[in-house]
Amino acid sequence: MVHNRKIQQIADEVEKVIVGKRDVVTMLLIALLSGGHVLVEDVPGTGKTTLAAAMGRSAGLVSRRAQFTPDVTASDITGFTMFNKETNTFEYRSGLVMTNILLADEINRATPKTQSALLEAMEEQTVTVDGVSHRLPNPFMVIATQNELGYVGTFPLPEAQLDRFMMKISMGYPTVEQEIGIIASRQKTDPLENLIPACTKEDVIAARNEVKDTNIEQSVYRYIVEIVAGTRNHPAVELGASPRASLALMRAAQSYAFLNSRAYVVPEDVLRMTPYVLPHRIRLTQEAKVKHVDTMDILRDVIKAVKPPFTRGN
């Protein structure tokens, strides 16, 4: 798989900037290959913004950054029409979404109206301004960040918005040795400036097409759906994962198989992606929250109750 090797090289480039986070980088690659979007939640200063910027540069894609604050308007994101006196016509002026990778930094600090402006772009790959639809560049991906602390002055993302994100990931603090390497590499220059594209936009599109051809047996389809449906029936869950989650889990499993040089999906691929694709789509009951039940506890219960169709060795 020629495109597989090129996509893997993206991770190698990103790791020149994001030290010791191969798993996080891999998840971002999977979302890119799957046509999905990622929500990165963590404490400040762990490299969320740098991760998104490095991904754009390494993949040879155009990226833009939107710093979300309460005064950012929907038209800043989608664009607007302006009257041109010379041509006597209204012209569309593109917004920040007209890019390959949009970094929505601190998305929960924007107002609900501005947050919802991203909904159509994330789901339909288009924006509609004054009744006219405009197609977004291909590929298009949103990497949104939010801090898990400091909720004063924020607008929490509603379930409908959260469901648009294929996966939710966390950076986590680096180890002491990794942090030493980080500050040492930035003594004189920013390593982000030295990144070179590992592939082209055409390579990413070609890899996406290969991912779609990754074979999935009917029994694995059922395995995916039974896991997702299991989240809706758990007594500690108020709102379970939607059918969109089943689709996201399938696509993520395909991409994971592709990155592992396989043309078929096995149950282990599904299990590997479940902790990233499903937790942010599950809302616990108030009683479960009081008892400090975690969504990962829910998933462990669900997975234990669903019998896999086969294992890799069978």
C-alpha atoms as a PDB file:
ATOM      1  CA  MET A   1       0.000   0.000   0.000  1.00  0.00           C
ATOM      2  CA  VAL A   2       1.879   3.027  -1.323  1.00  0.00           C
ATOM      3  CA  HIS A   3      -0.512   5.545   0.184  1.00  0.00           C
ATOM      4  CA  ASN A   4      -0.371   3.745   3.526  1.00  0.00           C
ATOM      5  CA  ARG A   5       3.368   4.398   3.741  1.00  0.00           C
ATOM      6  CA  LYS A   6       2.898   8.075   2.891  1.00  0.00           C
ATOM      7  CA  ILE A   7       0.197   8.494   5.508  1.00  0.00           C
ATOM      8  CA  GLN A   8       2.442   6.840   8.110  1.00  0.00           C
ATOM      9  CA  GLN A   9       5.132   9.376   7.203  1.00  0.00           C
ATOM     10  CA  ILE A  10       2.746  12.138   8.260  1.00  0.00           C
ATOM     11  CA  ALA A  11       2.865  10.727  11.784  1.00  0.00           C
ATOM     12  CA  ASP A  12       6.654  10.643  11.657  1.00  0.00           C
ATOM     13  CA  GLU A  13       6.751  14.337  10.747  1.00  0.00           C
ATOM     14  CA  VAL A  14       4.223  15.356  13.403  1.00  0.00           C
ATOM     15  CA  GLU A  15       6.247  13.512  16.061  1.00  0.00           C
ATOM     16  CA  LYS A  16       9.129  15.876  15.396  1.00  0.00           C
ATOM     17  CA  VAL A  17       6.960  18.483  17.135  1.00  0.00           C
ATOM     18  CA  ILE A  18       4.589  16.446  19.300  1.00  0.00           C
ATOM     19  CA  VAL A  19       6.912  14.260  21.359  1.00  0.00           C
ATOM     20  CA  GLY A  20       5.802  10.888  22.696  1.00  0.00           C
ATOM     21  CA  LYS A  21       2.175  11.078  21.570  1.00  0.00           C
ATOM     22  CA  ARG A  22       2.122   8.569  18.703  1.00  0.00           C
ATOM     23  CA  ASP A  23      -1.239   7.200  19.766  1.00  0.00           C
ATOM     24  CA  VAL A  24      -2.837  10.661  19.702  1.00  0.00           C
ATOM     25  CA  VAL A  25      -1.297  11.416  16.303  1.00  0.00           C
ATOM     26  CA  THR A  26      -2.576   8.091  14.966  1.00  0.00           C
ATOM     27  CA  MET A  27      -6.118   8.917  16.072  1.00  0.00           C
ATOM     28  CA  LEU A  28      -5.910  12.239  14.256  1.00  0.00           C
ATOM     29  CA  LEU A  29      -4.749  10.425  11.120  1.00  0.00           C
ATOM     30  CA  ILE A  30      -7.639   7.983  11.407  1.00  0.00           C
ATOM     31  CA  ALA A  31     -10.103  10.862  11.564  1.00  0.00           C
ATOM     32  CA  LEU A  32      -8.471  12.460   8.519  1.00  0.00           C
ATOM     33  CA  LEU A  33      -8.679   9.205   6.546  1.00  0.00           C
ATOM     34  CA  SER A  34     -12.276   8.645   7.645  1.00  0.00           C
ATOM     35  CA  GLY A  35     -13.515  12.103   6.740  1.00  0.00           C
ATOM     36  CA  GLY A  36     -14.272  12.774  10.403  1.00  0.00           C
ATOM     37  CA  HIS A  37     -13.679  15.579  12.877  1.00  0.00           C
ATOM     38  CA  VAL A  38     -11.876  15.541  16.218  1.00  0.00           C
ATOM     39  CA  LEU A  39     -12.490  17.217  19.554  1.00  0.00           C
ATOM     40  CA  VAL A  40      -9.304  17.574  21.604  1.00  0.00           C
ATOM     41  CA  GLU A  41      -9.980  18.193  25.283  1.00  0.00           C
ATOM     42  CA  ASP A  42      -7.271  18.711  27.850  1.00  0.00           C
ATOM     43  CA  VAL A  43      -5.719  21.142  30.290  1.00  0.00           C
ATOM     44  CA  PRO A  44      -4.053  24.278  28.846  1.00  0.00           C
ATOM     45  CA  GLY A  45      -0.539  24.106  27.462  1.00  0.00           C
ATOM     46  CA  THR A  46      -0.367  20.452  26.444  1.00  0.00           C
ATOM     47  CA  GLY A  47       0.090  21.127  22.727  1.00  0.00           C
ATOM     48  CA  LYS A  48      -3.459  20.891  21.328  1.00  0.00           C
ATOM     49  CA  THR A  49      -3.030  23.824  18.947  1.00  0.00           C
ATOM     50  CA  THR A  50       0.452  22.742  17.916  1.00  0.00           C
ATOM     51  CA  LEU A  51      -0.826  19.237  17.159  1.00  0.00           C
ATOM     52  CA  ALA A  52      -3.432  20.559  14.721  1.00  0.00           C
ATOM     53  CA  ALA A  53      -0.975  22.902  13.007  1.00  0.00           C
ATOM     54  CA  ALA A  54       1.627  20.143  12.658  1.00  0.00           C
ATOM     55  CA  MET A  55      -0.939  17.798  11.133  1.00  0.00           C
ATOM     56  CA  GLY A  56      -1.862  20.345   8.473  1.00  0.00           C
ATOM     57  CA  ARG A  57       1.732  21.039   7.474  1.00  0.00           C
ATOM     58  CA  SER A  58       2.799  17.400   7.457  1.00  0.00           C
ATOM     59  CA  ALA A  59      -0.162  16.330   5.334  1.00  0.00           C
ATOM     60  CA  GLY A  60       0.465  19.016   2.724  1.00  0.00           C
ATOM     61  CA  LEU A  61      -2.912  20.591   3.405  1.00  0.00           C
ATOM     62  CA  VAL A  62      -4.057  24.174   3.824  1.00  0.00           C
ATOM     63  CA  SER A  63      -5.022  24.933   7.404  1.00  0.00           C
ATOM     64  CA  ARG A  64      -6.607  27.897   9.149  1.00  0.00           C
ATOM     65  CA  ARG A  65      -7.025  28.746  12.798  1.00  0.00           C
ATOM     66  CA  ALA A  66     -10.094  30.294  14.392  1.00  0.00           C
ATOM     67  CA  GLN A  67      -9.653  31.557  17.934  1.00  0.00           C
ATOM     68  CA  PHE A  68     -13.163  31.224  19.296  1.00  0.00           C
ATOM     69  CA  THR A  69     -14.320  33.991  21.624  1.00  0.00           C
ATOM     70  CA  PRO A  70     -17.817  35.332  22.350  1.00  0.00           C
ATOM     71  CA  ASP A  71     -17.415  38.107  19.773  1.00  0.00           C
ATOM     72  CA  VAL A  72     -16.651  35.736  16.862  1.00  0.00           C
ATOM     73  CA  THR A  73     -19.696  35.702  14.584  1.00  0.00           C
ATOM     74  CA  ALA A  74     -21.179  32.982  12.391  1.00  0.00           C
ATOM     75  CA  SER A  75     -20.236  34.929   9.256  1.00  0.00           C
ATOM     76  CA  ASP A  76     -16.574  34.841  10.349  1.00  0.00           C
ATOM     77  CA  ILE A  77     -16.822  31.076  10.007  1.00  0.00           C
ATOM     78  CA  THR A  78     -19.078  30.583   6.989  1.00  0.00           C
ATOM     79  CA  GLY A  79     -18.317  33.758   5.031  1.00  0.00           C
ATOM     80  CA  PHE A  80     -20.658  36.484   3.814  1.00  0.00           C
ATOM     81  CA  THR A  81     -21.869  38.250   0.681  1.00  0.00           C
ATOM     82  CA  MET A  82     -20.804  41.765  -0.171  1.00  0.00           C
ATOM     83  CA  PHE A  83     -22.079  44.129  -2.853  1.00  0.00           C
ATOM     84  CA  ASN A  84     -19.510  44.936  -5.531  1.00  0.00           C
ATOM     85  CA  LYS A  85     -20.171  48.389  -6.960  1.00  0.00           C
ATOM     86  CA  GLU A  86     -17.977  47.780  -9.977  1.00  0.00           C
ATOM     87  CA  THR A  87     -19.850  44.689 -11.169  1.00  0.00           C
ATOM     88  CA  ASN A  88     -23.165  45.686  -9.597  1.00  0.00           C
ATOM     89  CA  THR A  89     -23.478  42.195  -8.089  1.00  0.00           C
ATOM     90  CA  PHE A  90     -23.250  40.501  -4.724  1.00  0.00           C
ATOM     91  CA  GLU A  91     -20.087  38.442  -4.244  1.00  0.00           C
ATOM     92  CA  TYR A  92     -19.315  35.722  -1.749  1.00  0.00           C
ATOM     93  CA  ARG A  93     -16.363  36.365   0.544  1.00  0.00           C
ATOM     94  CA  SER A  94     -15.160  33.080   1.995  1.00  0.00           C
ATOM     95  CA  GLY A  95     -14.993  32.425   5.720  1.00  0.00           C
ATOM     96  CA  LEU A  96     -12.530  30.416   7.751  1.00  0.00           C
ATOM     97  CA  VAL A  97     -14.135  27.082   6.769  1.00  0.00           C
ATOM     98  CA  MET A  98     -12.791  27.389   3.226  1.00  0.00           C
ATOM     99  CA  THR A  99      -9.721  25.337   4.046  1.00  0.00           C
ATOM    100  CA  ASN A 100      -8.636  21.715   4.374  1.00  0.00           C
ATOM    101  CA  ILE A 101      -8.086  21.698   8.135  1.00  0.00           C
ATOM    102  CA  LEU A 102      -9.872  24.165  10.372  1.00  0.00           C
ATOM    103  CA  LEU A 103      -8.487  24.494  13.876  1.00  0.00           C
ATOM    104  CA  ALA A 104     -11.375  25.681  16.044  1.00  0.00           C
ATOM    105  CA  ASP A 105      -9.419  26.754  19.097  1.00  0.00           C
ATOM    106  CA  GLU A 106     -11.375  26.814  22.377  1.00  0.00           C
ATOM    107  CA  ILE A 107     -14.637  26.165  20.566  1.00  0.00           C
ATOM    108  CA  ASN A 108     -16.656  26.233  23.779  1.00  0.00           C
ATOM    109  CA  ARG A 109     -15.868  29.939  24.243  1.00  0.00           C
ATOM    110  CA  ALA A 110     -17.926  30.861  21.172  1.00  0.00           C
ATOM    111  CA  THR A 111     -21.658  31.537  21.400  1.00  0.00           C
ATOM    112  CA  PRO A 112     -24.120  28.757  20.467  1.00  0.00           C
ATOM    113  CA  LYS A 113     -24.994  30.606  17.243  1.00  0.00           C
ATOM    114  CA  THR A 114     -21.378  30.590  16.111  1.00  0.00           C
ATOM    115  CA  GLN A 115     -20.914  26.974  17.199  1.00  0.00           C
ATOM    116  CA  SER A 116     -23.949  25.932  15.166  1.00  0.00           C
ATOM    117  CA  ALA A 117     -22.502  27.646  12.083  1.00  0.00           C
ATOM    118  CA  LEU A 118     -20.047  24.751  11.962  1.00  0.00           C
ATOM    119  CA  LEU A 119     -22.797  22.097  11.934  1.00  0.00           C
ATOM    120  CA  GLU A 120     -23.604  22.209   8.225  1.00  0.00           C
ATOM    121  CA  ALA A 121     -19.932  22.441   7.292  1.00  0.00           C
ATOM    122  CA  MET A 122     -19.005  19.429   9.428  1.00  0.00           C
ATOM    123  CA  GLU A 123     -21.892  17.252   8.267  1.00  0.00           C
ATOM    124  CA  GLU A 124     -22.639  18.343   4.696  1.00  0.00           C
ATOM    125  CA  GLN A 125     -19.222  19.680   3.623  1.00  0.00           C
ATOM    126  CA  THR A 126     -21.006  22.836   2.445  1.00  0.00           C
ATOM    127  CA  VAL A 127     -21.969  26.248   3.801  1.00  0.00           C
ATOM    128  CA  THR A 128     -25.066  28.170   2.796  1.00  0.00           C
ATOM    129  CA  VAL A 129     -24.873  31.961   2.741  1.00  0.00           C
ATOM    130  CA  ASP A 130     -27.906  34.013   1.671  1.00  0.00           C
ATOM    131  CA  GLY A 131     -29.522  30.920   0.202  1.00  0.00           C
ATOM    132  CA  VAL A 132     -26.521  29.912  -1.915  1.00  0.00           C
ATOM    133  CA  SER A 133     -24.532  26.744  -1.092  1.00  0.00           C
ATOM    134  CA  HIS A 134     -20.767  26.742  -1.374  1.00  0.00           C
ATOM    135  CA  ARG A 135     -18.797  23.490  -1.457  1.00  0.00           C
ATOM    136  CA  LEU A 136     -15.883  23.171   0.954  1.00  0.00           C
ATOM    137  CA  PRO A 137     -12.420  22.063  -0.180  1.00  0.00           C
ATOM    138  CA  ASN A 138     -11.680  18.349  -0.286  1.00  0.00           C
ATOM    139  CA  PRO A 139     -10.493  17.055   2.116  1.00  0.00           C
ATOM    140  CA  PHE A 140     -12.067  19.063   4.937  1.00  0.00           C
ATOM    141  CA  MET A 141     -11.569  18.396   8.623  1.00  0.00           C
ATOM    142  CA  VAL A 142     -12.316  20.273  11.854  1.00  0.00           C
ATOM    143  CA  ILE A 143      -9.983  19.889  14.809  1.00  0.00           C
ATOM    144  CA  ALA A 144     -11.638  21.618  17.743  1.00  0.00           C
ATOM    145  CA  THR A 145     -10.009  22.176  21.118  1.00  0.00           C
ATOM    146  CA  GLN A 146     -11.436  22.928  24.514  1.00  0.00           C
ATOM    147  CA  ASN A 147      -9.992  23.048  28.003  1.00  0.00           C
ATOM    148  CA  GLU A 148     -11.510  20.644  30.491  1.00  0.00           C
ATOM    149  CA  LEU A 149     -11.044  23.228  33.259  1.00  0.00           C
ATOM    150  CA  GLY A 150     -12.144  26.840  33.518  1.00  0.00           C
ATOM    151  CA  TYR A 151     -15.778  26.673  32.459  1.00  0.00           C
ATOM    152  CA  VAL A 152     -16.467  30.294  33.442  1.00  0.00           C
ATOM    153  CA  GLY A 153     -17.496  32.202  30.323  1.00  0.00           C
ATOM    154  CA  THR A 154     -17.917  29.082  28.193  1.00  0.00           C
ATOM    155  CA  PHE A 155     -20.835  27.573  26.310  1.00  0.00           C
ATOM    156  CA  PRO A 156     -20.760  23.756  26.619  1.00  0.00           C
ATOM    157  CA  LEU A 157     -21.277  21.930  23.336  1.00  0.00           C
ATOM    158  CA  PRO A 158     -24.779  20.407  23.066  1.00  0.00           C
ATOM    159  CA  GLU A 159     -25.250  16.729  22.239  1.00  0.00           C
ATOM    160  CA  ALA A 160     -26.066  17.493  18.586  1.00  0.00           C
ATOM    161  CA  GLN A 161     -22.740  19.269  18.186  1.00  0.00           C
ATOM    162  CA  LEU A 162     -20.750  16.633  20.058  1.00  0.00           C
ATOM    163  CA  ASP A 163     -22.228  13.942  17.825  1.00  0.00           C
ATOM    164  CA  ARG A 164     -20.665  15.623  14.786  1.00  0.00           C
ATOM    165  CA  PHE A 165     -17.209  14.813  16.089  1.00  0.00           C
ATOM    166  CA  MET A 166     -16.012  11.366  15.055  1.00  0.00           C
ATOM    167  CA  MET A 167     -13.821  11.088  18.124  1.00  0.00           C
ATOM    168  CA  LYS A 168     -12.704  12.845  21.245  1.00  0.00           C
ATOM    169  CA  ILE A 169      -9.091  12.603  22.362  1.00  0.00           C
ATOM    170  CA  SER A 170      -6.892  13.932  25.127  1.00  0.00           C
ATOM    171  CA  MET A 171      -3.215  14.882  24.951  1.00  0.00           C
ATOM    172  CA  GLY A 172      -2.200  14.352  28.557  1.00  0.00           C
ATOM    173  CA  TYR A 173       0.965  15.626  30.207  1.00  0.00           C
ATOM    174  CA  PRO A 174       4.323  14.472  28.824  1.00  0.00           C
ATOM    175  CA  THR A 175       6.792  12.521  30.944  1.00  0.00           C
ATOM    176  CA  VAL A 176       9.696  14.399  32.530  1.00  0.00           C
ATOM    177  CA  GLU A 177      12.102  13.153  29.842  1.00  0.00           C
ATOM    178  CA  GLN A 178       9.683  14.089  27.070  1.00  0.00           C
ATOM    179  CA  GLU A 179       9.177  17.550  28.517  1.00  0.00           C
ATOM    180  CA  ILE A 180      12.937  18.079  28.693  1.00  0.00           C
ATOM    181  CA  GLY A 181      13.122  17.167  25.002  1.00  0.00           C
ATOM    182  CA  ILE A 182      10.314  19.596  24.215  1.00  0.00           C
ATOM    183  CA  ILE A 183      11.910  22.640  25.816  1.00  0.00           C
ATOM    184  CA  ALA A 184      15.373  21.739  24.490  1.00  0.00           C
ATOM    185  CA  SER A 185      14.089  21.533  20.903  1.00  0.00           C
ATOM    186  CA  ARG A 186      12.608  25.015  21.227  1.00  0.00           C
ATOM    187  CA  GLN A 187      15.647  26.758  22.634  1.00  0.00           C
ATOM    188  CA  LYS A 188      16.528  28.470  19.362  1.00  0.00           C
ATOM    189  CA  THR A 189      13.788  27.693  16.851  1.00  0.00           C
ATOM    190  CA  ASP A 190      10.250  26.386  16.645  1.00  0.00           C
ATOM    191  CA  PRO A 191      10.387  22.843  15.168  1.00  0.00           C
ATOM    192  CA  LEU A 192       6.961  23.486  13.629  1.00  0.00           C
ATOM    193  CA  GLU A 193       8.618  25.807  11.121  1.00  0.00           C
ATOM    194  CA  ASN A 194      10.898  23.014   9.883  1.00  0.00           C
ATOM    195  CA  LEU A 195       8.199  20.461   9.105  1.00  0.00           C
ATOM    196  CA  ILE A 196       7.983  19.341   5.499  1.00  0.00           C
ATOM    197  CA  PRO A 197       4.918  17.810   3.794  1.00  0.00           C
ATOM    198  CA  ALA A 198       5.091  14.018   3.853  1.00  0.00           C
ATOM    199  CA  CYS A 199       2.480  13.759   1.105  1.00  0.00           C
ATOM    200  CA  THR A 200       0.142  15.827  -1.053  1.00  0.00           C
ATOM    201  CA  LYS A 201      -3.558  16.562  -0.931  1.00  0.00           C
ATOM    202  CA  GLU A 202      -4.025  14.066  -3.755  1.00  0.00           C
ATOM    203  CA  ASP A 203      -2.289  11.368  -1.679  1.00  0.00           C
ATOM    204  CA  VAL A 204      -4.700  11.966   1.203  1.00  0.00           C
ATOM    205  CA  ILE A 205      -7.717  11.733  -1.112  1.00  0.00           C
ATOM    206  CA  ALA A 206      -6.356   8.538  -2.690  1.00  0.00           C
ATOM    207  CA  ALA A 207      -5.762   7.018   0.760  1.00  0.00           C
ATOM    208  CA  ARG A 208      -9.328   7.913   1.741  1.00  0.00           C
ATOM    209  CA  ASN A 209     -10.619   6.025  -1.277  1.00  0.00           C
ATOM    210  CA  GLU A 210      -8.528   2.982  -0.337  1.00  0.00           C
ATOM    211  CA  VAL A 211      -9.957   3.088   3.180  1.00  0.00           C
ATOM    212  CA  LYS A 212     -13.497   2.945   1.776  1.00  0.00           C
ATOM    213  CA  ASP A 213     -12.570  -0.293  -0.013  1.00  0.00           C
ATOM    214  CA  THR A 214     -11.459  -1.959   3.232  1.00  0.00           C
ATOM    215  CA  ASN A 215     -13.619  -5.058   3.525  1.00  0.00           C
ATOM    216  CA  ILE A 216     -16.046  -5.587   6.416  1.00  0.00           C
ATOM    217  CA  GLU A 217     -17.919  -8.850   6.907  1.00  0.00           C
ATOM    218  CA  GLN A 218     -21.607  -8.826   7.771  1.00  0.00           C
ATOM    219  CA  SER A 219     -20.846 -10.270  11.203  1.00  0.00           C
ATOM    220  CA  VAL A 220     -18.570  -7.308  11.977  1.00  0.00           C
ATOM    221  CA  TYR A 221     -21.314  -4.875  10.933  1.00  0.00           C
ATOM    222  CA  ARG A 222     -23.565  -6.567  13.474  1.00  0.00           C
ATOM    223  CA  TYR A 223     -20.816  -6.446  16.112  1.00  0.00           C
ATOM    224  CA  ILE A 224     -20.469  -2.679  15.629  1.00  0.00           C
ATOM    225  CA  VAL A 225     -24.205  -2.033  15.835  1.00  0.00           C
ATOM    226  CA  GLU A 226     -24.705  -4.285  18.869  1.00  0.00           C
ATOM    227  CA  ILE A 227     -21.992  -2.405  20.781  1.00  0.00           C
ATOM    228  CA  VAL A 228     -23.517   0.963  19.918  1.00  0.00           C
ATOM    229  CA  ALA A 229     -27.054  -0.232  20.669  1.00  0.00           C
ATOM    230  CA  GLY A 230     -25.828  -1.602  23.982  1.00  0.00           C
ATOM    231  CA  THR A 231     -25.036   1.924  25.171  1.00  0.00           C
ATOM    232  CA  ARG A 232     -28.727   2.833  24.787  1.00  0.00           C
ATOM    233  CA  ASN A 233     -29.931  -0.006  26.978  1.00  0.00           C
ATOM    234  CA  HIS A 234     -27.541   0.357  29.900  1.00  0.00           C
ATOM    235  CA  PRO A 235     -29.373   1.353  33.126  1.00  0.00           C
ATOM    236  CA  ALA A 236     -26.809   4.077  33.924  1.00  0.00           C
ATOM    237  CA  VAL A 237     -27.244   5.792  30.532  1.00  0.00           C
ATOM    238  CA  GLU A 238     -29.766   8.551  29.916  1.00  0.00           C
ATOM    239  CA  LEU A 239     -28.813   9.091  26.275  1.00  0.00           C
ATOM    240  CA  GLY A 240     -26.930   6.435  24.308  1.00  0.00           C
ATOM    241  CA  ALA A 241     -24.915   6.640  21.106  1.00  0.00           C
ATOM    242  CA  SER A 242     -26.809   7.409  17.894  1.00  0.00           C
ATOM    243  CA  PRO A 243     -26.737   5.579  14.538  1.00  0.00           C
ATOM    244  CA  ARG A 244     -24.204   8.201  13.475  1.00  0.00           C
ATOM    245  CA  ALA A 245     -21.901   6.642  16.076  1.00  0.00           C
ATOM    246  CA  SER A 246     -22.228   3.236  14.363  1.00  0.00           C
ATOM    247  CA  LEU A 247     -21.170   4.818  11.088  1.00  0.00           C
ATOM    248  CA  ALA A 248     -18.264   6.628  12.744  1.00  0.00           C
ATOM    249  CA  LEU A 249     -17.101   3.436  14.471  1.00  0.00           C
ATOM    250  CA  MET A 250     -17.209   1.531  11.183  1.00  0.00           C
ATOM    251  CA  ARG A 251     -15.191   4.172   9.337  1.00  0.00           C
ATOM    252  CA  ALA A 252     -12.668   4.477  12.156  1.00  0.00           C
ATOM    253  CA  ALA A 253     -12.196   0.684  12.211  1.00  0.00           C
ATOM    254  CA  GLN A 254     -11.615   0.711   8.448  1.00  0.00           C
ATOM    255  CA  SER A 255      -8.970   3.417   8.778  1.00  0.00           C
ATOM    256  CA  TYR A 256      -7.277   1.612  11.655  1.00  0.00           C
ATOM    257  CA  ALA A 257      -7.110  -1.571   9.560  1.00  0.00           C
ATOM    258  CA  PHE A 258      -5.681   0.439   6.658  1.00  0.00           C
ATOM    259  CA  LEU A 259      -2.938   1.923   8.837  1.00  0.00           C
ATOM    260  CA  ASN A 260      -2.078  -1.612   9.909  1.00  0.00           C
ATOM    261  CA  SER A 261      -1.727  -2.683   6.251  1.00  0.00           C
ATOM    262  CA  ARG A 262      -4.849  -4.827   6.204  1.00  0.00           C
ATOM    263  CA  ALA A 263      -7.583  -4.787   3.572  1.00  0.00           C
ATOM    264  CA  TYR A 264     -10.171  -6.107   6.006  1.00  0.00           C
ATOM    265  CA  VAL A 265     -11.588  -5.191   9.425  1.00  0.00           C
ATOM    266  CA  VAL A 266     -11.409  -7.526  12.422  1.00  0.00           C
ATOM    267  CA  PRO A 267     -13.262  -7.162  15.770  1.00  0.00           C
ATOM    268  CA  GLU A 268     -10.051  -5.986  17.441  1.00  0.00           C
ATOM    269  CA  ASP A 269     -10.105  -2.910  15.177  1.00  0.00           C
ATOM    270  CA  VAL A 270     -13.594  -2.076  16.411  1.00  0.00           C
ATOM    271  CA  LEU A 271     -12.575  -2.510  20.052  1.00  0.00           C
ATOM    272  CA  ARG A 272      -9.468  -0.375  19.529  1.00  0.00           C
ATOM    273  CA  MET A 273     -11.543   2.550  18.273  1.00  0.00           C
ATOM    274  CA  THR A 274     -14.460   2.286  20.690  1.00  0.00           C
ATOM    275  CA  PRO A 275     -12.852   4.341  23.533  1.00  0.00           C
ATOM    276  CA  TYR A 276     -12.319   7.255  21.145  1.00  0.00           C
ATOM    277  CA  VAL A 277     -15.570   7.159  19.165  1.00  0.00           C
ATOM    278  CA  LEU A 278     -18.290   6.415  21.733  1.00  0.00           C
ATOM    279  CA  PRO A 279     -17.680   8.002  25.199  1.00  0.00           C
ATOM    280  CA  HIS A 280     -18.470  11.619  24.244  1.00  0.00           C
ATOM    281  CA  ARG A 281     -21.776  10.455  22.764  1.00  0.00           C
ATOM    282  CA  ILE A 282     -23.021   8.923  26.022  1.00  0.00           C
ATOM    283  CA  ARG A 283     -24.898  10.945  28.628  1.00  0.00           C
ATOM    284  CA  LEU A 284     -25.174   9.369  32.060  1.00  0.00           C
ATOM    285  CA  THR A 285     -28.162   9.510  34.371  1.00  0.00           C
ATOM    286  CA  GLN A 286     -27.976  11.857  37.329  1.00  0.00           C
ATOM    287  CA  GLU A 287     -27.804   8.902  39.687  1.00  0.00           C
ATOM    288  CA  ALA A 288     -24.821   7.481  37.812  1.00  0.00           C
ATOM    289  CA  LYS A 289     -23.049  10.857  37.985  1.00  0.00           C
ATOM    290  CA  VAL A 290     -23.580  10.997  41.744  1.00  0.00           C
ATOM    291  CA  LYS A 291     -22.063   7.538  42.042  1.00  0.00           C
ATOM    292  CA  HIS A 292     -19.096   8.698  39.904  1.00  0.00           C
ATOM    293  CA  VAL A 293     -19.768   6.140  37.181  1.00  0.00           C
ATOM    294  CA  ASP A 294     -17.474   6.649  34.211  1.00  0.00           C
ATOM    295  CA  THR A 295     -18.474   6.217  30.563  1.00  0.00           C
ATOM    296  CA  MET A 296     -15.574   3.795  30.156  1.00  0.00           C
ATOM    297  CA  ASP A 297     -17.202   1.630  32.820  1.00  0.00           C
ATOM    298  CA  ILE A 298     -20.339   1.627  30.675  1.00  0.00           C
ATOM    299  CA  LEU A 299     -18.393   0.607  27.584  1.00  0.00           C
ATOM    300  CA  ARG A 300     -16.655  -2.217  29.425  1.00  0.00           C
ATOM    301  CA  ASP A 301     -20.041  -3.557  30.488  1.00  0.00           C
ATOM    302  CA  VAL A 302     -21.402  -3.282  26.960  1.00  0.00           C
ATOM    303  CA  ILE A 303     -18.394  -4.909  25.292  1.00  0.00           C
ATOM    304  CA  LYS A 304     -18.438  -7.754  27.819  1.00  0.00           C
ATOM    305  CA  ALA A 305     -22.096  -8.425  26.956  1.00  0.00           C
ATOM    306  CA  VAL A 306     -21.540  -8.527  23.172  1.00  0.00           C
ATOM    307  CA  LYS A 307     -19.898 -11.625  21.770  1.00  0.00           C
ATOM    308  CA  PRO A 308     -17.364 -10.920  18.995  1.00  0.00           C
ATOM    309  CA  PRO A 309     -17.975 -12.840  15.741  1.00  0.00           C
ATOM    310  CA  PHE A 310     -14.382 -14.037  15.477  1.00  0.00           C
ATOM    311  CA  THR A 311     -10.851 -13.046  16.430  1.00  0.00           C
ATOM    312  CA  ARG A 312      -7.859 -12.311  14.265  1.00  0.00           C
ATOM    313  CA  GLY A 313      -6.470 -15.792  14.645  1.00  0.00           C
ATOM    314  CA  ASN A 314      -9.672 -17.557  13.587  1.00  0.00           C
END
